Amino acid sequence: MKILAVCQSGLGSSFMVQMNIQQILKDENVSEEIQVDHADVGSATGDAADYFFVEATLEGALGGIPNNKIILLDSLIDKEEVKDQINKILDQENIKHS
Protein backbone atom coordinates (compact mmCIF):
# COMPACT_ATOMS: atom_id res chain seq x y z
CA MET A 1 0.00 0.00 0.00
CA LYS A 2 1.15 3.54 -0.68
CA ILE A 3 0.15 6.78 1.05
CA LEU A 4 0.94 10.17 -0.44
CA ALA A 5 0.92 13.38 1.60
CA VAL A 6 0.06 16.29 -0.69
CA CYS A 7 0.43 20.05 -0.30
CA GLN A 8 0.53 23.04 -2.63
CA SER A 9 4.29 23.01 -3.27
CA GLY A 10 5.20 19.47 -2.18
CA LEU A 11 7.79 20.66 0.32
CA GLY A 12 7.27 21.58 3.98
CA SER A 13 3.67 20.71 4.84
CA SER A 14 3.48 17.44 2.96
CA PHE A 15 6.88 16.35 4.24
CA MET A 16 5.75 17.03 7.82
CA VAL A 17 2.58 14.97 7.27
CA GLN A 18 4.69 12.18 5.73
CA MET A 19 6.95 12.09 8.78
CA ASN A 20 3.92 12.08 11.11
CA ILE A 21 2.34 9.19 9.20
CA GLN A 22 5.58 7.20 9.34
CA GLN A 23 5.85 7.78 13.09
CA ILE A 24 2.20 6.81 13.63
CA LEU A 25 2.69 3.58 11.68
CA LYS A 26 5.72 2.81 13.83
CA ASP A 27 3.84 3.65 17.05
CA GLU A 28 0.93 1.45 15.93
CA ASN A 29 3.34 -1.48 15.39
CA VAL A 30 2.34 -1.91 11.76
CA SER A 31 4.51 -4.65 10.31
CA GLU A 32 3.04 -4.61 6.81
CA GLU A 33 5.05 -2.68 4.24
CA ILE A 34 3.42 0.71 3.68
CA GLN A 35 5.22 3.23 1.52
CA VAL A 36 4.75 6.87 2.50
CA ASP A 37 5.86 9.77 0.33
CA HIS A 38 5.00 13.42 -0.31
CA ALA A 39 4.26 15.48 -3.42
CA ASP A 40 2.79 18.71 -4.75
CA VAL A 41 -0.81 18.83 -5.99
CA GLY A 42 0.28 18.99 -9.64
CA SER A 43 2.16 15.70 -9.35
CA ALA A 44 -0.62 13.80 -7.57
CA THR A 45 -2.31 11.44 -10.00
CA GLY A 46 -4.86 8.75 -9.23
CA ASP A 47 -2.36 5.94 -9.76
CA ALA A 48 0.36 7.54 -7.59
CA ALA A 49 -1.00 6.12 -4.32
CA ASP A 50 -3.78 4.22 -2.62
CA TYR A 51 -4.55 7.12 -0.26
CA PHE A 52 -3.86 10.85 -0.50
CA PHE A 53 -3.62 12.99 2.65
CA VAL A 54 -4.34 16.63 1.85
CA GLU A 55 -5.49 19.74 3.67
CA ALA A 56 -9.24 20.26 3.16
CA THR A 57 -8.74 23.58 1.32
CA LEU A 58 -6.91 21.75 -1.50
CA GLU A 59 -9.64 19.19 -2.14
CA GLY A 60 -10.58 20.74 -5.47
CA ALA A 61 -6.98 20.68 -6.68
CA LEU A 62 -6.93 16.88 -6.78
CA GLY A 63 -9.04 16.45 -9.88
CA GLY A 64 -9.17 12.96 -11.31
CA ILE A 65 -8.47 11.24 -8.00
CA PRO A 66 -11.43 9.25 -6.65
CA ASN A 67 -12.94 10.77 -3.50
CA ASN A 68 -12.62 7.48 -1.60
CA LYS A 69 -8.82 7.77 -1.95
CA ILE A 70 -8.65 11.35 -0.62
CA ILE A 71 -8.23 11.90 3.13
CA LEU A 72 -9.07 15.51 3.95
CA LEU A 73 -7.33 17.02 6.97
CA ASP A 74 -8.69 20.04 8.80
CA SER A 75 -5.23 20.69 10.25
CA LEU A 76 -1.92 19.42 8.91
CA ILE A 77 -0.28 19.89 12.31
CA ASP A 78 -2.86 17.91 14.30
CA LYS A 79 -1.13 14.56 14.74
CA GLU A 80 -4.21 13.09 16.46
CA GLU A 81 -6.35 13.83 13.40
CA VAL A 82 -3.78 12.12 11.19
CA LYS A 83 -3.62 9.17 13.61
CA ASP A 84 -7.41 8.77 13.55
CA GLN A 85 -7.39 8.72 9.76
CA ILE A 86 -4.50 6.25 9.59
CA ASN A 87 -6.27 3.90 12.01
CA LYS A 88 -9.45 4.06 9.89
CA ILE A 89 -7.42 3.07 6.83
CA LEU A 90 -5.65 0.27 8.69
CA ASP A 91 -9.00 -1.09 9.88
CA GLN A 92 -10.55 -0.75 6.43
CA GLU A 93 -7.60 -2.58 4.84
CA ASN A 94 -7.56 -5.23 7.60
CA ILE A 95 -3.99 -4.35 8.54
CA LYS A 96 -3.02 -5.41 12.04
CA HIS A 97 -2.05 -2.61 14.44
CA SER A 98 -2.08 -1.85 18.16
PDB file of N, CA and C in Angstrom:
ATOM      1  N   MET A   1       0.845  -1.173   0.000  1.00  0.00           N
ATOM      2  CA  MET A   1       0.000   0.000   0.000  1.00  0.00           C
ATOM      3  C   MET A   1       0.894   1.241   0.000  1.00  0.00           C
ATOM      4  N   LYS A   2       0.397   2.286  -0.633  1.00  0.00           N
ATOM      5  CA  LYS A   2       1.146   3.540  -0.681  1.00  0.00           C
ATOM      6  C   LYS A   2       0.246   4.693  -0.247  1.00  0.00           C
ATOM      7  N   ILE A   3       0.823   5.565   0.579  1.00  0.00           N
ATOM      8  CA  ILE A   3       0.148   6.775   1.050  1.00  0.00           C
ATOM      9  C   ILE A   3       0.963   7.964   0.574  1.00  0.00           C
ATOM     10  N   LEU A   4       0.274   8.966   0.049  1.00  0.00           N
ATOM     11  CA  LEU A   4       0.939  10.167  -0.437  1.00  0.00           C
ATOM     12  C   LEU A   4       0.393  11.377   0.314  1.00  0.00           C
ATOM     13  N   ALA A   5       1.284  12.115   0.953  1.00  0.00           N
ATOM     14  CA  ALA A   5       0.922  13.378   1.597  1.00  0.00           C
ATOM     15  C   ALA A   5       1.097  14.475   0.555  1.00  0.00           C
ATOM     16  N   VAL A   6       0.070  15.301   0.385  1.00  0.00           N
ATOM     17  CA  VAL A   6       0.063  16.292  -0.694  1.00  0.00           C
ATOM     18  C   VAL A   6      -0.137  17.690  -0.126  1.00  0.00           C
ATOM     19  N   CYS A   7       0.644  18.642  -0.630  1.00  0.00           N
ATOM     20  CA  CYS A   7       0.429  20.054  -0.301  1.00  0.00           C
ATOM     21  C   CYS A   7       0.638  20.872  -1.568  1.00  0.00           C
ATOM     22  N   GLN A   8       0.454  22.159  -1.460  1.00  0.00           N
ATOM     23  CA  GLN A   8       0.532  23.036  -2.630  1.00  0.00           C
ATOM     24  C   GLN A   8       1.869  22.916  -3.358  1.00  0.00           C
ATOM     25  N   SER A   9       2.967  23.006  -2.620  1.00  0.00           N
ATOM     26  CA  SER A   9       4.290  23.009  -3.267  1.00  0.00           C
ATOM     27  C   SER A   9       5.025  21.678  -3.158  1.00  0.00           C
ATOM     28  N   GLY A  10       4.547  20.769  -2.320  1.00  0.00           N
ATOM     29  CA  GLY A  10       5.200  19.467  -2.181  1.00  0.00           C
ATOM     30  C   GLY A  10       6.445  19.501  -1.325  1.00  0.00           C
ATOM     31  N   LEU A  11       6.583  20.534  -0.502  1.00  0.00           N
ATOM     32  CA  LEU A  11       7.786  20.661   0.315  1.00  0.00           C
ATOM     33  C   LEU A  11       7.464  20.509   1.803  1.00  0.00           C
ATOM     34  N   GLY A  12       7.355  21.591   2.521  1.00  0.00           N
ATOM     35  CA  GLY A  12       7.265  21.577   3.979  1.00  0.00           C
ATOM     36  C   GLY A  12       6.077  20.857   4.568  1.00  0.00           C
ATOM     37  N   SER A  13       4.872  21.275   4.214  1.00  0.00           N
ATOM     38  CA  SER A  13       3.674  20.712   4.837  1.00  0.00           C
ATOM     39  C   SER A  13       3.524  19.228   4.556  1.00  0.00           C
ATOM     40  N   SER A  14       3.666  18.855   3.298  1.00  0.00           N
ATOM     41  CA  SER A  14       3.484  17.441   2.955  1.00  0.00           C
ATOM     42  C   SER A  14       4.588  16.577   3.557  1.00  0.00           C
ATOM     43  N   PHE A  15       5.793  17.102   3.628  1.00  0.00           N
ATOM     44  CA  PHE A  15       6.884  16.346   4.236  1.00  0.00           C
ATOM     45  C   PHE A  15       6.627  16.138   5.726  1.00  0.00           C
ATOM     46  N   MET A  16       6.079  17.157   6.405  1.00  0.00           N
ATOM     47  CA  MET A  16       5.747  17.034   7.823  1.00  0.00           C
ATOM     48  C   MET A  16       4.664  15.969   8.023  1.00  0.00           C
ATOM     49  N   VAL A  17       3.641  15.980   7.168  1.00  0.00           N
ATOM     50  CA  VAL A  17       2.582  14.971   7.270  1.00  0.00           C
ATOM     51  C   VAL A  17       3.155  13.583   6.995  1.00  0.00           C
ATOM     52  N   GLN A  18       4.043  13.467   6.018  1.00  0.00           N
ATOM     53  CA  GLN A  18       4.691  12.185   5.727  1.00  0.00           C
ATOM     54  C   GLN A  18       5.423  11.665   6.957  1.00  0.00           C
ATOM     55  N   MET A  19       6.202  12.521   7.593  1.00  0.00           N
ATOM     56  CA  MET A  19       6.955  12.095   8.784  1.00  0.00           C
ATOM     57  C   MET A  19       6.007  11.696   9.906  1.00  0.00           C
ATOM     58  N   ASN A  20       4.906  12.439  10.081  1.00  0.00           N
ATOM     59  CA  ASN A  20       3.924  12.080  11.107  1.00  0.00           C
ATOM     60  C   ASN A  20       3.290  10.727  10.820  1.00  0.00           C
ATOM     61  N   ILE A  21       2.934  10.470   9.572  1.00  0.00           N
ATOM     62  CA  ILE A  21       2.341   9.186   9.199  1.00  0.00           C
ATOM     63  C   ILE A  21       3.316   8.054   9.484  1.00  0.00           C
ATOM     64  N   GLN A  22       4.577   8.237   9.094  1.00  0.00           N
ATOM     65  CA  GLN A  22       5.579   7.202   9.336  1.00  0.00           C
ATOM     66  C   GLN A  22       5.734   6.923  10.826  1.00  0.00           C
ATOM     67  N   GLN A  23       5.730   7.966  11.647  1.00  0.00           N
ATOM     68  CA  GLN A  23       5.854   7.782  13.088  1.00  0.00           C
ATOM     69  C   GLN A  23       4.616   7.078  13.657  1.00  0.00           C
ATOM     70  N   ILE A  24       3.442   7.440  13.172  1.00  0.00           N
ATOM     71  CA  ILE A  24       2.203   6.809  13.634  1.00  0.00           C
ATOM     72  C   ILE A  24       2.208   5.326  13.286  1.00  0.00           C
ATOM     73  N   LEU A  25       2.618   4.987  12.070  1.00  0.00           N
ATOM     74  CA  LEU A  25       2.688   3.577  11.675  1.00  0.00           C
ATOM     75  C   LEU A  25       3.647   2.806  12.572  1.00  0.00           C
ATOM     76  N   LYS A  26       4.753   3.433  12.920  1.00  0.00           N
ATOM     77  CA  LYS A  26       5.718   2.808  13.828  1.00  0.00           C
ATOM     78  C   LYS A  26       5.107   2.644  15.219  1.00  0.00           C
ATOM     79  N   ASP A  27       4.465   3.699  15.721  1.00  0.00           N
ATOM     80  CA  ASP A  27       3.839   3.654  17.049  1.00  0.00           C
ATOM     81  C   ASP A  27       2.716   2.627  17.119  1.00  0.00           C
ATOM     82  N   GLU A  28       2.037   2.410  15.998  1.00  0.00           N
ATOM     83  CA  GLU A  28       0.929   1.453  15.932  1.00  0.00           C
ATOM     84  C   GLU A  28       1.418   0.026  15.664  1.00  0.00           C
ATOM     85  N   ASN A  29       2.734  -0.150  15.605  1.00  0.00           N
ATOM     86  CA  ASN A  29       3.342  -1.477  15.389  1.00  0.00           C
ATOM     87  C   ASN A  29       2.853  -2.152  14.108  1.00  0.00           C
ATOM     88  N   VAL A  30       2.755  -1.367  13.048  1.00  0.00           N
ATOM     89  CA  VAL A  30       2.337  -1.907  11.757  1.00  0.00           C
ATOM     90  C   VAL A  30       3.537  -2.595  11.123  1.00  0.00           C
ATOM     91  N   SER A  31       3.388  -3.898  10.879  1.00  0.00           N
ATOM     92  CA  SER A  31       4.505  -4.646  10.306  1.00  0.00           C
ATOM     93  C   SER A  31       4.404  -4.749   8.787  1.00  0.00           C
ATOM     94  N   GLU A  32       3.214  -4.552   8.255  1.00  0.00           N
ATOM     95  CA  GLU A  32       3.037  -4.605   6.809  1.00  0.00           C
ATOM     96  C   GLU A  32       3.774  -3.444   6.146  1.00  0.00           C
ATOM     97  N   GLU A  33       4.314  -3.706   4.970  1.00  0.00           N
ATOM     98  CA  GLU A  33       5.049  -2.680   4.240  1.00  0.00           C
ATOM     99  C   GLU A  33       4.087  -1.632   3.681  1.00  0.00           C
ATOM    100  N   ILE A  34       4.220  -0.413   4.174  1.00  0.00           N
ATOM    101  CA  ILE A  34       3.420   0.707   3.683  1.00  0.00           C
ATOM    102  C   ILE A  34       4.382   1.812   3.289  1.00  0.00           C
ATOM    103  N   GLN A  35       4.342   2.175   2.028  1.00  0.00           N
ATOM    104  CA  GLN A  35       5.215   3.227   1.520  1.00  0.00           C
ATOM    105  C   GLN A  35       4.531   4.571   1.729  1.00  0.00           C
ATOM    106  N   VAL A  36       5.275   5.527   2.278  1.00  0.00           N
ATOM    107  CA  VAL A  36       4.746   6.869   2.505  1.00  0.00           C
ATOM    108  C   VAL A  36       5.671   7.865   1.820  1.00  0.00           C
ATOM    109  N   ASP A  37       5.077   8.766   1.049  1.00  0.00           N
ATOM    110  CA  ASP A  37       5.862   9.766   0.328  1.00  0.00           C
ATOM    111  C   ASP A  37       5.094  11.090   0.346  1.00  0.00           C
ATOM    112  N   HIS A  38       5.673  12.124  -0.229  1.00  0.00           N
ATOM    113  CA  HIS A  38       4.996  13.416  -0.310  1.00  0.00           C
ATOM    114  C   HIS A  38       5.186  14.007  -1.707  1.00  0.00           C
ATOM    115  N   ALA A  39       4.231  14.898  -2.078  1.00  0.00           N
ATOM    116  CA  ALA A  39       4.264  15.482  -3.416  1.00  0.00           C
ATOM    117  C   ALA A  39       3.458  16.775  -3.445  1.00  0.00           C
ATOM    118  N   ASP A  40       3.607  17.508  -4.543  1.00  0.00           N
ATOM    119  CA  ASP A  40       2.793  18.706  -4.750  1.00  0.00           C
ATOM    120  C   ASP A  40       1.506  18.307  -5.470  1.00  0.00           C
ATOM    121  N   VAL A  41       0.496  19.169  -5.414  1.00  0.00           N
ATOM    122  CA  VAL A  41      -0.806  18.833  -5.990  1.00  0.00           C
ATOM    123  C   VAL A  41      -0.725  18.541  -7.489  1.00  0.00           C
ATOM    124  N   GLY A  42       0.154  19.217  -8.199  1.00  0.00           N
ATOM    125  CA  GLY A  42       0.279  18.992  -9.636  1.00  0.00           C
ATOM    126  C   GLY A  42       0.824  17.630  -9.998  1.00  0.00           C
ATOM    127  N   SER A  43       1.569  17.014  -9.092  1.00  0.00           N
ATOM    128  CA  SER A  43       2.164  15.699  -9.346  1.00  0.00           C
ATOM    129  C   SER A  43       1.282  14.547  -8.882  1.00  0.00           C
ATOM    130  N   ALA A  44       0.236  14.855  -8.132  1.00  0.00           N
ATOM    131  CA  ALA A  44      -0.620  13.804  -7.567  1.00  0.00           C
ATOM    132  C   ALA A  44      -1.608  13.309  -8.619  1.00  0.00           C
ATOM    133  N   THR A  45      -1.404  12.076  -9.049  1.00  0.00           N
ATOM    134  CA  THR A  45      -2.309  11.441 -10.003  1.00  0.00           C
ATOM    135  C   THR A  45      -2.960  10.236  -9.338  1.00  0.00           C
ATOM    136  N   GLY A  46      -4.089   9.829  -9.838  1.00  0.00           N
ATOM    137  CA  GLY A  46      -4.857   8.747  -9.233  1.00  0.00           C
ATOM    138  C   GLY A  46      -4.098   7.454  -9.034  1.00  0.00           C
ATOM    139  N   ASP A  47      -3.118   7.180  -9.894  1.00  0.00           N
ATOM    140  CA  ASP A  47      -2.357   5.940  -9.762  1.00  0.00           C
ATOM    141  C   ASP A  47      -1.083   6.104  -8.925  1.00  0.00           C
ATOM    142  N   ALA A  48      -0.864   7.290  -8.365  1.00  0.00           N
ATOM    143  CA  ALA A  48       0.356   7.544  -7.590  1.00  0.00           C
ATOM    144  C   ALA A  48       0.324   6.923  -6.200  1.00  0.00           C
ATOM    145  N   ALA A  49      -0.888   6.665  -5.675  1.00  0.00           N
ATOM    146  CA  ALA A  49      -0.996   6.116  -4.317  1.00  0.00           C
ATOM    147  C   ALA A  49      -2.377   5.507  -4.115  1.00  0.00           C
ATOM    148  N   ASP A  50      -2.482   4.779  -3.012  1.00  0.00           N
ATOM    149  CA  ASP A  50      -3.778   4.220  -2.618  1.00  0.00           C
ATOM    150  C   ASP A  50      -4.597   5.235  -1.832  1.00  0.00           C
ATOM    151  N   TYR A  51      -3.897   6.094  -1.060  1.00  0.00           N
ATOM    152  CA  TYR A  51      -4.549   7.123  -0.261  1.00  0.00           C
ATOM    153  C   TYR A  51      -3.745   8.412  -0.345  1.00  0.00           C
ATOM    154  N   PHE A  52      -4.469   9.531  -0.398  1.00  0.00           N
ATOM    155  CA  PHE A  52      -3.863  10.852  -0.498  1.00  0.00           C
ATOM    156  C   PHE A  52      -4.298  11.690   0.696  1.00  0.00           C
ATOM    157  N   PHE A  53      -3.343  12.121   1.506  1.00  0.00           N
ATOM    158  CA  PHE A  53      -3.618  12.990   2.646  1.00  0.00           C
ATOM    159  C   PHE A  53      -3.394  14.422   2.203  1.00  0.00           C
ATOM    160  N   VAL A  54      -4.418  15.254   2.342  1.00  0.00           N
ATOM    161  CA  VAL A  54      -4.340  16.630   1.853  1.00  0.00           C
ATOM    162  C   VAL A  54      -5.160  17.529   2.762  1.00  0.00           C
ATOM    163  N   GLU A  55      -4.711  18.783   2.903  1.00  0.00           N
ATOM    164  CA  GLU A  55      -5.487  19.739   3.672  1.00  0.00           C
ATOM    165  C   GLU A  55      -6.802  19.998   2.943  1.00  0.00           C
ATOM    166  N   ALA A  56      -7.888  20.141   3.713  1.00  0.00           N
ATOM    167  CA  ALA A  56      -9.238  20.259   3.158  1.00  0.00           C
ATOM    168  C   ALA A  56      -9.361  21.365   2.112  1.00  0.00           C
ATOM    169  N   THR A  57      -8.624  22.458   2.265  1.00  0.00           N
ATOM    170  CA  THR A  57      -8.737  23.579   1.324  1.00  0.00           C
ATOM    171  C   THR A  57      -8.211  23.236  -0.070  1.00  0.00           C
ATOM    172  N   LEU A  58      -7.460  22.145  -0.198  1.00  0.00           N
ATOM    173  CA  LEU A  58      -6.906  21.751  -1.497  1.00  0.00           C
ATOM    174  C   LEU A  58      -7.699  20.634  -2.166  1.00  0.00           C
ATOM    175  N   GLU A  59      -8.849  20.296  -1.607  1.00  0.00           N
ATOM    176  CA  GLU A  59      -9.639  19.186  -2.142  1.00  0.00           C
ATOM    177  C   GLU A  59      -9.897  19.332  -3.634  1.00  0.00           C
ATOM    178  N   GLY A  60     -10.273  20.516  -4.063  1.00  0.00           N
ATOM    179  CA  GLY A  60     -10.583  20.740  -5.472  1.00  0.00           C
ATOM    180  C   GLY A  60      -9.392  20.649  -6.402  1.00  0.00           C
ATOM    181  N   ALA A  61      -8.192  20.729  -5.857  1.00  0.00           N
ATOM    182  CA  ALA A  61      -6.980  20.683  -6.676  1.00  0.00           C
ATOM    183  C   ALA A  61      -6.594  19.261  -7.067  1.00  0.00           C
ATOM    184  N   LEU A  62      -7.260  18.272  -6.493  1.00  0.00           N
ATOM    185  CA  LEU A  62      -6.925  16.879  -6.780  1.00  0.00           C
ATOM    186  C   LEU A  62      -7.900  16.265  -7.769  1.00  0.00           C
ATOM    187  N   GLY A  63      -8.133  16.948  -8.857  1.00  0.00           N
ATOM    188  CA  GLY A  63      -9.043  16.449  -9.879  1.00  0.00           C
ATOM    189  C   GLY A  63      -8.566  15.132 -10.454  1.00  0.00           C
ATOM    190  N   GLY A  64      -9.510  14.257 -10.720  1.00  0.00           N
ATOM    191  CA  GLY A  64      -9.167  12.962 -11.314  1.00  0.00           C
ATOM    192  C   GLY A  64      -8.836  11.886 -10.304  1.00  0.00           C
ATOM    193  N   ILE A  65      -8.737  12.236  -9.038  1.00  0.00           N
ATOM    194  CA  ILE A  65      -8.472  11.244  -7.998  1.00  0.00           C
ATOM    195  C   ILE A  65      -9.802  10.914  -7.330  1.00  0.00           C
ATOM    196  N   PRO A  66     -10.151   9.625  -7.269  1.00  0.00           N
ATOM    197  CA  PRO A  66     -11.433   9.248  -6.651  1.00  0.00           C
ATOM    198  C   PRO A  66     -11.538   9.739  -5.205  1.00  0.00           C
ATOM    199  N   ASN A  67     -12.723  10.233  -4.847  1.00  0.00           N
ATOM    200  CA  ASN A  67     -12.944  10.772  -3.501  1.00  0.00           C
ATOM    201  C   ASN A  67     -12.647   9.776  -2.395  1.00  0.00           C
ATOM    202  N   ASN A  68     -12.866   8.483  -2.642  1.00  0.00           N
ATOM    203  CA  ASN A  68     -12.616   7.485  -1.597  1.00  0.00           C
ATOM    204  C   ASN A  68     -11.127   7.265  -1.330  1.00  0.00           C
ATOM    205  N   LYS A  69     -10.266   7.855  -2.159  1.00  0.00           N
ATOM    206  CA  LYS A  69      -8.821   7.771  -1.948  1.00  0.00           C
ATOM    207  C   LYS A  69      -8.271   9.019  -1.258  1.00  0.00           C
ATOM    208  N   ILE A  70      -9.100  10.062  -1.164  1.00  0.00           N
ATOM    209  CA  ILE A  70      -8.647  11.346  -0.616  1.00  0.00           C
ATOM    210  C   ILE A  70      -9.022  11.443   0.853  1.00  0.00           C
ATOM    211  N   ILE A  71      -8.024  11.696   1.698  1.00  0.00           N
ATOM    212  CA  ILE A  71      -8.228  11.897   3.126  1.00  0.00           C
ATOM    213  C   ILE A  71      -8.032  13.389   3.394  1.00  0.00           C
ATOM    214  N   LEU A  72      -9.131  14.075   3.703  1.00  0.00           N
ATOM    215  CA  LEU A  72      -9.065  15.506   3.951  1.00  0.00           C
ATOM    216  C   LEU A  72      -8.725  15.779   5.408  1.00  0.00           C
ATOM    217  N   LEU A  73      -7.759  16.651   5.620  1.00  0.00           N
ATOM    218  CA  LEU A  73      -7.334  17.022   6.968  1.00  0.00           C
ATOM    219  C   LEU A  73      -7.727  18.467   7.249  1.00  0.00           C
ATOM    220  N   ASP A  74      -8.359  18.680   8.393  1.00  0.00           N
ATOM    221  CA  ASP A  74      -8.693  20.043   8.803  1.00  0.00           C
ATOM    222  C   ASP A  74      -7.443  20.803   9.223  1.00  0.00           C
ATOM    223  N   SER A  75      -6.467  20.069   9.789  1.00  0.00           N
ATOM    224  CA  SER A  75      -5.226  20.693  10.251  1.00  0.00           C
ATOM    225  C   SER A  75      -4.051  19.757   9.963  1.00  0.00           C
ATOM    226  N   LEU A  76      -3.089  20.241   9.227  1.00  0.00           N
ATOM    227  CA  LEU A  76      -1.919  19.424   8.908  1.00  0.00           C
ATOM    228  C   LEU A  76      -1.023  19.185  10.122  1.00  0.00           C
ATOM    229  N   ILE A  77      -1.154  20.029  11.136  1.00  0.00           N
ATOM    230  CA  ILE A  77      -0.279  19.886  12.307  1.00  0.00           C
ATOM    231  C   ILE A  77      -0.925  19.109  13.443  1.00  0.00           C
ATOM    232  N   ASP A  78      -2.171  18.680  13.268  1.00  0.00           N
ATOM    233  CA  ASP A  78      -2.865  17.912  14.295  1.00  0.00           C
ATOM    234  C   ASP A  78      -2.552  16.430  14.122  1.00  0.00           C
ATOM    235  N   LYS A  79      -1.572  15.954  14.874  1.00  0.00           N
ATOM    236  CA  LYS A  79      -1.126  14.564  14.743  1.00  0.00           C
ATOM    237  C   LYS A  79      -2.227  13.583  15.137  1.00  0.00           C
ATOM    238  N   GLU A  80      -3.103  13.966  16.058  1.00  0.00           N
ATOM    239  CA  GLU A  80      -4.211  13.089  16.460  1.00  0.00           C
ATOM    240  C   GLU A  80      -5.202  12.898  15.318  1.00  0.00           C
ATOM    241  N   GLU A  81      -5.461  13.952  14.556  1.00  0.00           N
ATOM    242  CA  GLU A  81      -6.351  13.831  13.400  1.00  0.00           C
ATOM    243  C   GLU A  81      -5.754  12.871  12.376  1.00  0.00           C
ATOM    244  N   VAL A  82      -4.455  13.013  12.133  1.00  0.00           N
ATOM    245  CA  VAL A  82      -3.776  12.117  11.191  1.00  0.00           C
ATOM    246  C   VAL A  82      -3.829  10.686  11.718  1.00  0.00           C
ATOM    247  N   LYS A  83      -3.582  10.506  13.012  1.00  0.00           N
ATOM    248  CA  LYS A  83      -3.616   9.166  13.610  1.00  0.00           C
ATOM    249  C   LYS A  83      -4.995   8.535  13.462  1.00  0.00           C
ATOM    250  N   ASP A  84      -6.053   9.292  13.712  1.00  0.00           N
ATOM    251  CA  ASP A  84      -7.414   8.771  13.553  1.00  0.00           C
ATOM    252  C   ASP A  84      -7.647   8.304  12.127  1.00  0.00           C
ATOM    253  N   GLN A  85      -7.203   9.083  11.161  1.00  0.00           N
ATOM    254  CA  GLN A  85      -7.394   8.723   9.756  1.00  0.00           C
ATOM    255  C   GLN A  85      -6.566   7.493   9.372  1.00  0.00           C
ATOM    256  N   ILE A  86      -5.344   7.426   9.865  1.00  0.00           N
ATOM    257  CA  ILE A  86      -4.496   6.254   9.594  1.00  0.00           C
ATOM    258  C   ILE A  86      -5.143   4.997  10.161  1.00  0.00           C
ATOM    259  N   ASN A  87      -5.637   5.073  11.393  1.00  0.00           N
ATOM    260  CA  ASN A  87      -6.266   3.902  12.011  1.00  0.00           C
ATOM    261  C   ASN A  87      -7.515   3.464  11.258  1.00  0.00           C
ATOM    262  N   LYS A  88      -8.282   4.410  10.707  1.00  0.00           N
ATOM    263  CA  LYS A  88      -9.448   4.059   9.889  1.00  0.00           C
ATOM    264  C   LYS A  88      -9.011   3.285   8.653  1.00  0.00           C
ATOM    265  N   ILE A  89      -7.935   3.758   8.027  1.00  0.00           N
ATOM    266  CA  ILE A  89      -7.421   3.073   6.834  1.00  0.00           C
ATOM    267  C   ILE A  89      -6.930   1.674   7.197  1.00  0.00           C
ATOM    268  N   LEU A  90      -6.166   1.570   8.277  1.00  0.00           N
ATOM    269  CA  LEU A  90      -5.647   0.265   8.694  1.00  0.00           C
ATOM    270  C   LEU A  90      -6.793  -0.703   8.956  1.00  0.00           C
ATOM    271  N   ASP A  91      -7.842  -0.247   9.623  1.00  0.00           N
ATOM    272  CA  ASP A  91      -9.003  -1.094   9.883  1.00  0.00           C
ATOM    273  C   ASP A  91      -9.706  -1.488   8.582  1.00  0.00           C
ATOM    274  N   GLN A  92      -9.890  -0.515   7.705  1.00  0.00           N
ATOM    275  CA  GLN A  92     -10.546  -0.747   6.430  1.00  0.00           C
ATOM    276  C   GLN A  92      -9.779  -1.753   5.584  1.00  0.00           C
ATOM    277  N   GLU A  93      -8.468  -1.692   5.631  1.00  0.00           N
ATOM    278  CA  GLU A  93      -7.605  -2.576   4.835  1.00  0.00           C
ATOM    279  C   GLU A  93      -7.257  -3.875   5.581  1.00  0.00           C
ATOM    280  N   ASN A  94      -7.831  -4.051   6.765  1.00  0.00           N
ATOM    281  CA  ASN A  94      -7.555  -5.232   7.598  1.00  0.00           C
ATOM    282  C   ASN A  94      -6.070  -5.412   7.882  1.00  0.00           C
ATOM    283  N   ILE A  95      -5.413  -4.314   8.205  1.00  0.00           N
ATOM    284  CA  ILE A  95      -3.992  -4.345   8.543  1.00  0.00           C
ATOM    285  C   ILE A  95      -3.874  -4.312  10.058  1.00  0.00           C
ATOM    286  N   LYS A  96      -3.173  -5.277  10.584  1.00  0.00           N
ATOM    287  CA  LYS A  96      -3.020  -5.415  12.036  1.00  0.00           C
ATOM    288  C   LYS A  96      -2.217  -4.234  12.609  1.00  0.00           C
ATOM    289  N   HIS A  97      -2.736  -3.698  13.728  1.00  0.00           N
ATOM    290  CA  HIS A  97      -2.048  -2.610  14.435  1.00  0.00           C
ATOM    291  C   HIS A  97      -2.478  -2.619  15.882  1.00  0.00           C
ATOM    292  N   SER A  98      -1.741  -1.842  16.732  1.00  0.00           N
ATOM    293  CA  SER A  98      -2.078  -1.847  18.159  1.00  0.00           C
ATOM    294  C   SER A  98      -3.215  -0.911  18.480  1.00  0.00           C
TER     295      SER A  98
END
